[in-house]
Amino acid sequence: MRRLPPMTALIAFDATARHGSVVAAAREIGRTHGAVSKQLRNLADDLGVQLFERDGNGLRLTDDGEQVQATVQRSLDILESGCGEVRNRQNKPFLQIGVSPTFAGRWLMPRLPRYYARWPDSEVRLCLTGREHLLTSDCDAILSWDRLSWDHNANIHAHSLGDVSYGLVASPGYALEPMQGGLKVPTRLVRQNHSDVWEAWEKLSGVKVVAHRSIPYPQTVLVLEAAANGLGVAVAERRLVEEELDDGRLVAPLGFHTIKGGLAVLVTKQNRKRTEVAAFIDWIAEEAGH
């Protein structure tokens, strides 16, 4: 069994150390001067060291006291943070879902009315995020679809929603020159800082694309719009270009290649236990299966 000082004594000690005064500490934590003094004496006796020494009309920490204070502060910070996370999960009136702007606009938003029809009192807020924000995000869950270019962290559970399919897309009639093992094109359209998407697609498809030049865009949606307007060729996930394929603004001359289980909801172990998160996962899985 662990032998730890009473929490009340540690709180009294922390307040006294910060204020340098028993009177101020007692006022902060709502105890009497005598009660705080007794807690400090008991803590010093328990540890076998002197924690404070007189400094004029106040108190200052001894070397031993400073070491204890550093430990107590770290411990209280951890407790406050952990309890705060639990409190926020219980009190939060909405779900915050992380999703890329392109996937939000082209796939998720058109489906949210059906979510609200089923749970009219709930609220979904979108946290526009991407792979670079996954580990630091405060979102309850993150929708992962661009699996050509990254994998989720092993400490985060991935609930598979289905497959993803990637293909080369361009406007009808865009110049595509066949060559052995691939294609030559005037312009390749890329997402800024995500050139690895092209490398991953070439590896997946076995097709090499040689381009005269590459033009970067800051968002995937701009890459797709550029392709639809005849500015070059792009790699796209099928769900994101369904409308353009249907109306003929884009064609996929080489078809699409599938990544099994590439569409997923990423969620921490703690959030998986929340009823509303579990309900959202079930709903989004239904939508992905349509």
C-alpha atoms as a PDB file:
ATOM      1  CA  MET A   1       0.000   0.000   0.000  1.00  0.00           C
ATOM      2  CA  ARG A   2       1.343   3.444  -0.922  1.00  0.00           C
ATOM      3  CA  ARG A   3       2.187   5.738   2.001  1.00  0.00           C
ATOM      4  CA  LEU A   4       1.275   9.250   0.854  1.00  0.00           C
ATOM      5  CA  PRO A   5       0.690  12.445   2.838  1.00  0.00           C
ATOM      6  CA  PRO A   6      -2.991  13.466   3.157  1.00  0.00           C
ATOM      7  CA  MET A   7      -4.244  15.523   0.225  1.00  0.00           C
ATOM      8  CA  THR A   8      -5.485  18.237   2.620  1.00  0.00           C
ATOM      9  CA  ALA A   9      -1.941  18.675   3.934  1.00  0.00           C
ATOM     10  CA  LEU A  10      -0.507  18.932   0.410  1.00  0.00           C
ATOM     11  CA  ILE A  11      -3.091  21.544  -0.604  1.00  0.00           C
ATOM     12  CA  ALA A  12      -2.368  23.566   2.550  1.00  0.00           C
ATOM     13  CA  PHE A  13       1.362  23.310   1.886  1.00  0.00           C
ATOM     14  CA  ASP A  14       0.969  24.384  -1.772  1.00  0.00           C
ATOM     15  CA  ALA A  15      -1.092  27.450  -0.840  1.00  0.00           C
ATOM     16  CA  THR A  16       1.354  28.463   1.914  1.00  0.00           C
ATOM     17  CA  ALA A  17       4.338  28.031  -0.392  1.00  0.00           C
ATOM     18  CA  ARG A  18       2.761  30.223  -3.060  1.00  0.00           C
ATOM     19  CA  HIS A  19       1.666  32.993  -0.676  1.00  0.00           C
ATOM     20  CA  GLY A  20       4.499  32.794   1.848  1.00  0.00           C
ATOM     21  CA  SER A  21       1.852  33.199   4.514  1.00  0.00           C
ATOM     22  CA  VAL A  22      -0.280  30.840   6.566  1.00  0.00           C
ATOM     23  CA  VAL A  23      -2.966  33.519   6.902  1.00  0.00           C
ATOM     24  CA  ALA A  24      -3.226  34.003   3.122  1.00  0.00           C
ATOM     25  CA  ALA A  25      -3.198  30.243   2.548  1.00  0.00           C
ATOM     26  CA  ALA A  26      -6.001  29.741   5.067  1.00  0.00           C
ATOM     27  CA  ARG A  27      -8.046  32.444   3.358  1.00  0.00           C
ATOM     28  CA  GLU A  28      -7.556  30.834  -0.085  1.00  0.00           C
ATOM     29  CA  ILE A  29      -8.532  27.294   0.880  1.00  0.00           C
ATOM     30  CA  GLY A  30     -11.253  28.262   3.360  1.00  0.00           C
ATOM     31  CA  ARG A  31      -9.626  26.882   6.503  1.00  0.00           C
ATOM     32  CA  THR A  32      -8.648  28.477   9.803  1.00  0.00           C
ATOM     33  CA  HIS A  33      -5.108  29.680  10.505  1.00  0.00           C
ATOM     34  CA  GLY A  34      -4.769  27.009  13.165  1.00  0.00           C
ATOM     35  CA  ALA A  35      -5.940  24.205  10.863  1.00  0.00           C
ATOM     36  CA  VAL A  36      -3.414  25.128   8.180  1.00  0.00           C
ATOM     37  CA  SER A  37      -0.587  25.393  10.696  1.00  0.00           C
ATOM     38  CA  LYS A  38      -1.451  21.950  12.039  1.00  0.00           C
ATOM     39  CA  GLN A  39      -1.470  20.480   8.501  1.00  0.00           C
ATOM     40  CA  LEU A  40       1.980  21.967   7.859  1.00  0.00           C
ATOM     41  CA  ARG A  41       3.385  20.581  11.124  1.00  0.00           C
ATOM     42  CA  ASN A  42       1.975  17.135  10.383  1.00  0.00           C
ATOM     43  CA  LEU A  43       3.407  17.176   6.864  1.00  0.00           C
ATOM     44  CA  ALA A  44       6.854  18.234   8.115  1.00  0.00           C
ATOM     45  CA  ASP A  45       6.799  15.511  10.768  1.00  0.00           C
ATOM     46  CA  ASP A  46       5.679  12.916   8.245  1.00  0.00           C
ATOM     47  CA  LEU A  47       8.500  13.805   5.825  1.00  0.00           C
ATOM     48  CA  GLY A  48      11.065  14.352   8.574  1.00  0.00           C
ATOM     49  CA  VAL A  49      12.282  17.677   7.194  1.00  0.00           C
ATOM     50  CA  GLN A  50      11.805  21.391   7.811  1.00  0.00           C
ATOM     51  CA  LEU A  51       9.678  22.839   5.020  1.00  0.00           C
ATOM     52  CA  PHE A  52       9.645  26.573   5.863  1.00  0.00           C
ATOM     53  CA  GLU A  53      11.778  29.136   7.637  1.00  0.00           C
ATOM     54  CA  ARG A  54      10.937  32.623   8.792  1.00  0.00           C
ATOM     55  CA  ASP A  55      11.504  35.477   6.372  1.00  0.00           C
ATOM     56  CA  GLY A  56      10.592  38.743   8.070  1.00  0.00           C
ATOM     57  CA  ASN A  57       6.838  38.640   8.609  1.00  0.00           C
ATOM     58  CA  GLY A  58       6.385  35.769   6.175  1.00  0.00           C
ATOM     59  CA  LEU A  59       7.676  32.304   5.345  1.00  0.00           C
ATOM     60  CA  ARG A  60      10.024  31.008   2.713  1.00  0.00           C
ATOM     61  CA  LEU A  61      10.739  27.475   1.582  1.00  0.00           C
ATOM     62  CA  THR A  62      13.823  25.614   2.671  1.00  0.00           C
ATOM     63  CA  ASP A  63      15.776  23.617   0.122  1.00  0.00           C
ATOM     64  CA  ASP A  64      13.796  20.526   1.129  1.00  0.00           C
ATOM     65  CA  GLY A  65      10.601  22.535   0.944  1.00  0.00           C
ATOM     66  CA  GLU A  66      11.376  23.683  -2.605  1.00  0.00           C
ATOM     67  CA  GLN A  67      11.873  20.076  -3.679  1.00  0.00           C
ATOM     68  CA  VAL A  68       8.575  19.056  -2.098  1.00  0.00           C
ATOM     69  CA  GLN A  69       6.808  22.048  -3.651  1.00  0.00           C
ATOM     70  CA  ALA A  70       8.036  21.167  -7.161  1.00  0.00           C
ATOM     71  CA  THR A  71       6.680  17.630  -6.744  1.00  0.00           C
ATOM     72  CA  VAL A  72       3.372  18.813  -5.283  1.00  0.00           C
ATOM     73  CA  GLN A  73       2.845  21.360  -8.072  1.00  0.00           C
ATOM     74  CA  ARG A  74       3.447  18.762 -10.798  1.00  0.00           C
ATOM     75  CA  SER A  75       1.086  16.333  -9.085  1.00  0.00           C
ATOM     76  CA  LEU A  76      -1.676  18.903  -8.609  1.00  0.00           C
ATOM     77  CA  ASP A  77      -1.323  20.051 -12.230  1.00  0.00           C
ATOM     78  CA  ILE A  78      -1.750  16.458 -13.418  1.00  0.00           C
ATOM     79  CA  LEU A  79      -4.784  15.962 -11.180  1.00  0.00           C
ATOM     80  CA  GLU A  80      -6.353  19.225 -12.330  1.00  0.00           C
ATOM     81  CA  SER A  81      -5.794  18.415 -15.984  1.00  0.00           C
ATOM     82  CA  GLY A  82      -7.136  14.868 -15.708  1.00  0.00           C
ATOM     83  CA  CYS A  83     -10.209  15.863 -13.735  1.00  0.00           C
ATOM     84  CA  GLY A  84     -10.814  18.767 -16.097  1.00  0.00           C
ATOM     85  CA  GLU A  85     -10.856  16.432 -19.105  1.00  0.00           C
ATOM     86  CA  VAL A  86     -13.411  14.176 -17.431  1.00  0.00           C
ATOM     87  CA  ARG A  87     -15.526  17.169 -16.406  1.00  0.00           C
ATOM     88  CA  ASN A  88     -15.444  18.636 -19.906  1.00  0.00           C
ATOM     89  CA  ARG A  89     -16.459  15.340 -21.484  1.00  0.00           C
ATOM     90  CA  GLN A  90     -19.435  15.059 -19.169  1.00  0.00           C
ATOM     91  CA  ASN A  91     -20.542  18.678 -19.539  1.00  0.00           C
ATOM     92  CA  LYS A  92     -19.758  19.326 -23.202  1.00  0.00           C
ATOM     93  CA  PRO A  93     -23.069  19.896 -25.033  1.00  0.00           C
ATOM     94  CA  PHE A  94     -21.632  19.178 -28.482  1.00  0.00           C
ATOM     95  CA  LEU A  95     -19.378  16.872 -30.442  1.00  0.00           C
ATOM     96  CA  GLN A  96     -16.263  18.310 -32.030  1.00  0.00           C
ATOM     97  CA  ILE A  97     -15.281  16.340 -35.118  1.00  0.00           C
ATOM     98  CA  GLY A  98     -11.957  16.866 -36.833  1.00  0.00           C
ATOM     99  CA  VAL A  99     -12.082  16.733 -40.616  1.00  0.00           C
ATOM    100  CA  SER A 100     -10.240  18.265 -43.547  1.00  0.00           C
ATOM    101  CA  PRO A 101     -11.985  21.222 -45.243  1.00  0.00           C
ATOM    102  CA  THR A 102     -12.356  19.326 -48.522  1.00  0.00           C
ATOM    103  CA  PHE A 103     -13.825  16.182 -46.986  1.00  0.00           C
ATOM    104  CA  ALA A 104     -16.116  18.297 -44.780  1.00  0.00           C
ATOM    105  CA  GLY A 105     -17.506  20.299 -47.679  1.00  0.00           C
ATOM    106  CA  ARG A 106     -17.780  17.554 -50.255  1.00  0.00           C
ATOM    107  CA  TRP A 107     -18.836  14.558 -48.186  1.00  0.00           C
ATOM    108  CA  LEU A 108     -19.741  15.217 -44.550  1.00  0.00           C
ATOM    109  CA  MET A 109     -21.799  18.419 -44.716  1.00  0.00           C
ATOM    110  CA  PRO A 110     -24.378  17.076 -47.212  1.00  0.00           C
ATOM    111  CA  ARG A 111     -25.028  14.170 -44.808  1.00  0.00           C
ATOM    112  CA  LEU A 112     -25.302  16.097 -41.536  1.00  0.00           C
ATOM    113  CA  PRO A 113     -29.029  16.878 -42.022  1.00  0.00           C
ATOM    114  CA  ARG A 114     -29.708  13.144 -41.638  1.00  0.00           C
ATOM    115  CA  TYR A 115     -27.704  13.126 -38.403  1.00  0.00           C
ATOM    116  CA  TYR A 116     -29.786  15.970 -36.975  1.00  0.00           C
ATOM    117  CA  ALA A 117     -32.989  14.299 -38.128  1.00  0.00           C
ATOM    118  CA  ARG A 118     -32.063  11.340 -35.922  1.00  0.00           C
ATOM    119  CA  TRP A 119     -30.673  13.335 -32.972  1.00  0.00           C
ATOM    120  CA  PRO A 120     -32.328  16.770 -33.171  1.00  0.00           C
ATOM    121  CA  ASP A 121     -31.023  17.894 -29.752  1.00  0.00           C
ATOM    122  CA  SER A 122     -27.373  17.170 -30.497  1.00  0.00           C
ATOM    123  CA  GLU A 123     -24.795  19.430 -32.105  1.00  0.00           C
ATOM    124  CA  VAL A 124     -21.766  18.650 -34.257  1.00  0.00           C
ATOM    125  CA  ARG A 125     -19.022  21.231 -34.542  1.00  0.00           C
ATOM    126  CA  LEU A 126     -16.320  20.793 -37.132  1.00  0.00           C
ATOM    127  CA  CYS A 127     -12.678  21.235 -36.282  1.00  0.00           C
ATOM    128  CA  LEU A 128     -10.944  21.747 -39.614  1.00  0.00           C
ATOM    129  CA  THR A 129      -7.804  19.751 -39.204  1.00  0.00           C
ATOM    130  CA  GLY A 130      -5.439  17.391 -40.947  1.00  0.00           C
ATOM    131  CA  ARG A 131      -2.742  14.851 -40.306  1.00  0.00           C
ATOM    132  CA  GLU A 132      -0.348  17.442 -38.877  1.00  0.00           C
ATOM    133  CA  HIS A 133      -2.831  18.242 -36.086  1.00  0.00           C
ATOM    134  CA  LEU A 134      -3.832  14.726 -35.134  1.00  0.00           C
ATOM    135  CA  LEU A 135      -1.689  14.367 -32.037  1.00  0.00           C
ATOM    136  CA  THR A 136      -2.490  17.827 -30.645  1.00  0.00           C
ATOM    137  CA  SER A 137      -6.147  18.085 -31.576  1.00  0.00           C
ATOM    138  CA  ASP A 138      -8.871  18.619 -28.945  1.00  0.00           C
ATOM    139  CA  CYS A 139     -11.452  16.980 -31.194  1.00  0.00           C
ATOM    140  CA  ASP A 140     -13.626  14.156 -29.862  1.00  0.00           C
ATOM    141  CA  ALA A 141     -13.000  12.200 -33.062  1.00  0.00           C
ATOM    142  CA  ILE A 142     -11.217  12.720 -36.375  1.00  0.00           C
ATOM    143  CA  LEU A 143     -12.349  11.495 -39.777  1.00  0.00           C
ATOM    144  CA  SER A 144      -9.421   9.968 -41.631  1.00  0.00           C
ATOM    145  CA  TRP A 145      -9.655   9.476 -45.386  1.00  0.00           C
ATOM    146  CA  ASP A 146      -6.352  10.551 -47.019  1.00  0.00           C
ATOM    147  CA  ARG A 147      -4.697   7.234 -46.290  1.00  0.00           C
ATOM    148  CA  LEU A 148      -2.399   7.421 -49.274  1.00  0.00           C
ATOM    149  CA  SER A 149      -0.173   9.744 -47.291  1.00  0.00           C
ATOM    150  CA  TRP A 150      -0.279   8.880 -43.608  1.00  0.00           C
ATOM    151  CA  ASP A 151      -1.115   6.392 -40.869  1.00  0.00           C
ATOM    152  CA  HIS A 152      -2.826   7.067 -37.558  1.00  0.00           C
ATOM    153  CA  ASN A 153      -0.940   7.025 -34.282  1.00  0.00           C
ATOM    154  CA  ALA A 154      -0.832   3.580 -32.718  1.00  0.00           C
ATOM    155  CA  ASN A 155      -2.217   4.942 -29.428  1.00  0.00           C
ATOM    156  CA  ILE A 156      -5.431   6.097 -31.108  1.00  0.00           C
ATOM    157  CA  HIS A 157      -8.151   3.629 -32.021  1.00  0.00           C
ATOM    158  CA  ALA A 158      -9.142   3.563 -35.696  1.00  0.00           C
ATOM    159  CA  HIS A 159     -12.733   2.449 -36.305  1.00  0.00           C
ATOM    160  CA  SER A 160     -12.833   1.400 -39.962  1.00  0.00           C
ATOM    161  CA  LEU A 161     -15.703   2.813 -42.021  1.00  0.00           C
ATOM    162  CA  GLY A 162     -14.823   1.265 -45.348  1.00  0.00           C
ATOM    163  CA  ASP A 163     -12.421   1.512 -48.244  1.00  0.00           C
ATOM    164  CA  VAL A 164     -11.021   4.498 -50.104  1.00  0.00           C
ATOM    165  CA  SER A 165     -10.252   4.609 -53.823  1.00  0.00           C
ATOM    166  CA  TYR A 166      -7.735   6.866 -55.522  1.00  0.00           C
ATOM    167  CA  GLY A 167      -7.349   7.678 -59.178  1.00  0.00           C
ATOM    168  CA  LEU A 168      -5.866  10.113 -61.644  1.00  0.00           C
ATOM    169  CA  VAL A 169      -8.437  12.756 -62.659  1.00  0.00           C
ATOM    170  CA  ALA A 170      -8.396  15.439 -65.334  1.00  0.00           C
ATOM    171  CA  SER A 171     -10.814  17.426 -67.444  1.00  0.00           C
ATOM    172  CA  PRO A 172     -12.070  15.670 -70.594  1.00  0.00           C
ATOM    173  CA  GLY A 173      -9.617  16.050 -73.440  1.00  0.00           C
ATOM    174  CA  TYR A 174      -6.693  17.077 -71.257  1.00  0.00           C
ATOM    175  CA  ALA A 175      -3.408  16.078 -72.908  1.00  0.00           C
ATOM    176  CA  LEU A 176      -2.305  12.664 -71.638  1.00  0.00           C
ATOM    177  CA  GLU A 177       0.544  11.089 -73.576  1.00  0.00           C
ATOM    178  CA  PRO A 178       1.030   7.361 -72.998  1.00  0.00           C
ATOM    179  CA  MET A 179       4.559   6.130 -72.399  1.00  0.00           C
ATOM    180  CA  GLN A 180       5.953   2.798 -71.313  1.00  0.00           C
ATOM    181  CA  GLY A 181       4.921   2.266 -67.702  1.00  0.00           C
ATOM    182  CA  GLY A 182       2.952   5.469 -67.399  1.00  0.00           C
ATOM    183  CA  LEU A 183       1.934   8.840 -68.777  1.00  0.00           C
ATOM    184  CA  LYS A 184       3.449  12.164 -69.774  1.00  0.00           C
ATOM    185  CA  VAL A 185       1.407  15.242 -68.859  1.00  0.00           C
ATOM    186  CA  PRO A 186       1.974  19.001 -69.122  1.00  0.00           C
ATOM    187  CA  THR A 187       1.099  19.835 -65.500  1.00  0.00           C
ATOM    188  CA  ARG A 188       0.765  17.889 -62.279  1.00  0.00           C
ATOM    189  CA  LEU A 189      -1.413  19.483 -59.579  1.00  0.00           C
ATOM    190  CA  VAL A 190      -0.282  18.904 -56.004  1.00  0.00           C
ATOM    191  CA  ARG A 191      -1.366  19.828 -52.498  1.00  0.00           C
ATOM    192  CA  GLN A 192       1.201  22.091 -50.875  1.00  0.00           C
ATOM    193  CA  ASN A 193       3.584  20.121 -48.635  1.00  0.00           C
ATOM    194  CA  HIS A 194       1.835  16.854 -49.618  1.00  0.00           C
ATOM    195  CA  SER A 195       3.837  15.711 -52.639  1.00  0.00           C
ATOM    196  CA  ASP A 196       4.061  12.271 -51.017  1.00  0.00           C
ATOM    197  CA  VAL A 197       0.460  11.667 -52.160  1.00  0.00           C
ATOM    198  CA  TRP A 198       1.659  11.387 -55.761  1.00  0.00           C
ATOM    199  CA  GLU A 199       4.517   9.084 -54.788  1.00  0.00           C
ATOM    200  CA  ALA A 200       2.137   6.837 -52.834  1.00  0.00           C
ATOM    201  CA  TRP A 201      -0.374   6.720 -55.708  1.00  0.00           C
ATOM    202  CA  GLU A 202       2.318   5.804 -58.238  1.00  0.00           C
ATOM    203  CA  LYS A 203       3.433   2.994 -55.954  1.00  0.00           C
ATOM    204  CA  LEU A 204      -0.166   1.813 -55.467  1.00  0.00           C
ATOM    205  CA  SER A 205      -1.113   1.930 -59.150  1.00  0.00           C
ATOM    206  CA  GLY A 206       2.212   1.012 -60.733  1.00  0.00           C
ATOM    207  CA  VAL A 207       1.829   4.004 -63.050  1.00  0.00           C
ATOM    208  CA  LYS A 208       4.607   6.572 -63.448  1.00  0.00           C
ATOM    209  CA  VAL A 209       3.538  10.111 -64.304  1.00  0.00           C
ATOM    210  CA  VAL A 210       6.128  12.412 -65.847  1.00  0.00           C
ATOM    211  CA  ALA A 211       5.080  16.070 -65.782  1.00  0.00           C
ATOM    212  CA  HIS A 212       6.648  19.114 -67.413  1.00  0.00           C
ATOM    213  CA  ARG A 213       5.867  21.074 -64.241  1.00  0.00           C
ATOM    214  CA  SER A 214       4.036  20.838 -60.907  1.00  0.00           C
ATOM    215  CA  ILE A 215       1.761  23.519 -59.465  1.00  0.00           C
ATOM    216  CA  PRO A 216       1.042  23.484 -55.705  1.00  0.00           C
ATOM    217  CA  TYR A 217      -2.234  24.604 -54.088  1.00  0.00           C
ATOM    218  CA  PRO A 218      -2.850  25.192 -50.363  1.00  0.00           C
ATOM    219  CA  GLN A 219      -6.004  23.039 -50.168  1.00  0.00           C
ATOM    220  CA  THR A 220      -7.178  19.809 -51.793  1.00  0.00           C
ATOM    221  CA  VAL A 221     -10.407  21.462 -52.926  1.00  0.00           C
ATOM    222  CA  LEU A 222      -8.360  23.931 -55.005  1.00  0.00           C
ATOM    223  CA  VAL A 223      -6.387  21.077 -56.537  1.00  0.00           C
ATOM    224  CA  LEU A 224      -9.636  19.441 -57.637  1.00  0.00           C
ATOM    225  CA  GLU A 225     -11.095  22.681 -58.986  1.00  0.00           C
ATOM    226  CA  ALA A 226      -7.912  23.301 -60.950  1.00  0.00           C
ATOM    227  CA  ALA A 227      -8.170  19.838 -62.486  1.00  0.00           C
ATOM    228  CA  ALA A 228     -11.846  20.341 -63.374  1.00  0.00           C
ATOM    229  CA  ASN A 229     -10.927  23.602 -65.097  1.00  0.00           C
ATOM    230  CA  GLY A 230      -8.297  21.987 -67.298  1.00  0.00           C
ATOM    231  CA  LEU A 231      -5.209  23.245 -65.468  1.00  0.00           C
ATOM    232  CA  GLY A 232      -3.587  19.836 -64.950  1.00  0.00           C
ATOM    233  CA  VAL A 233      -3.996  16.333 -63.589  1.00  0.00           C
ATOM    234  CA  ALA A 234      -4.587  15.453 -59.940  1.00  0.00           C
ATOM    235  CA  VAL A 235      -4.823  12.425 -57.692  1.00  0.00           C
ATOM    236  CA  ALA A 236      -8.215  12.269 -55.986  1.00  0.00           C
ATOM    237  CA  GLU A 237     -10.254  10.051 -53.708  1.00  0.00           C
ATOM    238  CA  ARG A 238     -13.413   8.936 -55.517  1.00  0.00           C
ATOM    239  CA  ARG A 239     -15.860  10.342 -52.916  1.00  0.00           C
ATOM    240  CA  LEU A 240     -14.438  13.835 -53.350  1.00  0.00           C
ATOM    241  CA  VAL A 241     -15.007  13.980 -57.104  1.00  0.00           C
ATOM    242  CA  GLU A 242     -18.259  12.043 -57.522  1.00  0.00           C
ATOM    243  CA  GLU A 243     -20.184  15.137 -58.600  1.00  0.00           C
ATOM    244  CA  GLU A 244     -17.598  16.157 -61.219  1.00  0.00           C
ATOM    245  CA  LEU A 245     -17.381  12.592 -62.545  1.00  0.00           C
ATOM    246  CA  ASP A 246     -21.173  12.411 -62.817  1.00  0.00           C
ATOM    247  CA  ASP A 247     -21.543  15.724 -64.654  1.00  0.00           C
ATOM    248  CA  GLY A 248     -18.531  15.102 -66.892  1.00  0.00           C
ATOM    249  CA  ARG A 249     -16.285  17.915 -65.631  1.00  0.00           C
ATOM    250  CA  LEU A 250     -13.711  15.283 -64.661  1.00  0.00           C
ATOM    251  CA  VAL A 251     -12.740  11.888 -66.003  1.00  0.00           C
ATOM    252  CA  ALA A 252     -10.631   9.129 -64.446  1.00  0.00           C
ATOM    253  CA  PRO A 253      -8.773   7.668 -67.456  1.00  0.00           C
ATOM    254  CA  LEU A 254      -7.008   4.962 -65.431  1.00  0.00           C
ATOM    255  CA  GLY A 255      -9.855   4.156 -63.045  1.00  0.00           C
ATOM    256  CA  PHE A 256      -9.431   3.947 -59.282  1.00  0.00           C
ATOM    257  CA  HIS A 257      -7.288   1.813 -56.997  1.00  0.00           C
ATOM    258  CA  THR A 258      -8.665   0.744 -53.619  1.00  0.00           C
ATOM    259  CA  ILE A 259      -7.093   0.886 -50.158  1.00  0.00           C
ATOM    260  CA  LYS A 260      -8.943  -1.504 -47.872  1.00  0.00           C
ATOM    261  CA  GLY A 261     -10.174   0.066 -44.636  1.00  0.00           C
ATOM    262  CA  GLY A 262      -8.776   3.456 -45.599  1.00  0.00           C
ATOM    263  CA  LEU A 263     -11.764   5.429 -44.334  1.00  0.00           C
ATOM    264  CA  ALA A 264     -11.813   5.526 -40.543  1.00  0.00           C
ATOM    265  CA  VAL A 265     -12.834   7.419 -37.431  1.00  0.00           C
ATOM    266  CA  LEU A 266      -9.896   8.042 -35.116  1.00  0.00           C
ATOM    267  CA  VAL A 267     -10.776   8.365 -31.448  1.00  0.00           C
ATOM    268  CA  THR A 268      -8.997   8.093 -28.112  1.00  0.00           C
ATOM    269  CA  LYS A 269      -9.799   5.296 -25.685  1.00  0.00           C
ATOM    270  CA  GLN A 270     -11.458   7.764 -23.295  1.00  0.00           C
ATOM    271  CA  ASN A 271     -13.778   9.213 -25.929  1.00  0.00           C
ATOM    272  CA  ARG A 272     -14.776   5.766 -27.197  1.00  0.00           C
ATOM    273  CA  LYS A 273     -16.667   5.332 -23.912  1.00  0.00           C
ATOM    274  CA  ARG A 274     -18.835   8.397 -24.480  1.00  0.00           C
ATOM    275  CA  THR A 275     -22.347   7.505 -25.598  1.00  0.00           C
ATOM    276  CA  GLU A 276     -22.622  10.374 -28.083  1.00  0.00           C
ATOM    277  CA  VAL A 277     -19.259   9.533 -29.678  1.00  0.00           C
ATOM    278  CA  ALA A 278     -20.269   5.895 -30.082  1.00  0.00           C
ATOM    279  CA  ALA A 279     -23.575   7.001 -31.640  1.00  0.00           C
ATOM    280  CA  PHE A 280     -21.754   9.285 -34.085  1.00  0.00           C
ATOM    281  CA  ILE A 281     -19.434   6.449 -35.105  1.00  0.00           C
ATOM    282  CA  ASP A 282     -22.397   4.144 -35.745  1.00  0.00           C
ATOM    283  CA  TRP A 283     -24.133   6.829 -37.810  1.00  0.00           C
ATOM    284  CA  ILE A 284     -21.081   7.729 -39.889  1.00  0.00           C
ATOM    285  CA  ALA A 285     -20.473   4.032 -40.552  1.00  0.00           C
ATOM    286  CA  GLU A 286     -24.004   3.778 -41.971  1.00  0.00           C
ATOM    287  CA  GLU A 287     -23.400   6.792 -44.187  1.00  0.00           C
ATOM    288  CA  ALA A 288     -20.100   5.440 -45.443  1.00  0.00           C
ATOM    289  CA  GLY A 289     -21.836   2.224 -46.428  1.00  0.00           C
ATOM    290  CA  HIS A 290     -24.428   3.945 -48.630  1.00  0.00           C
END
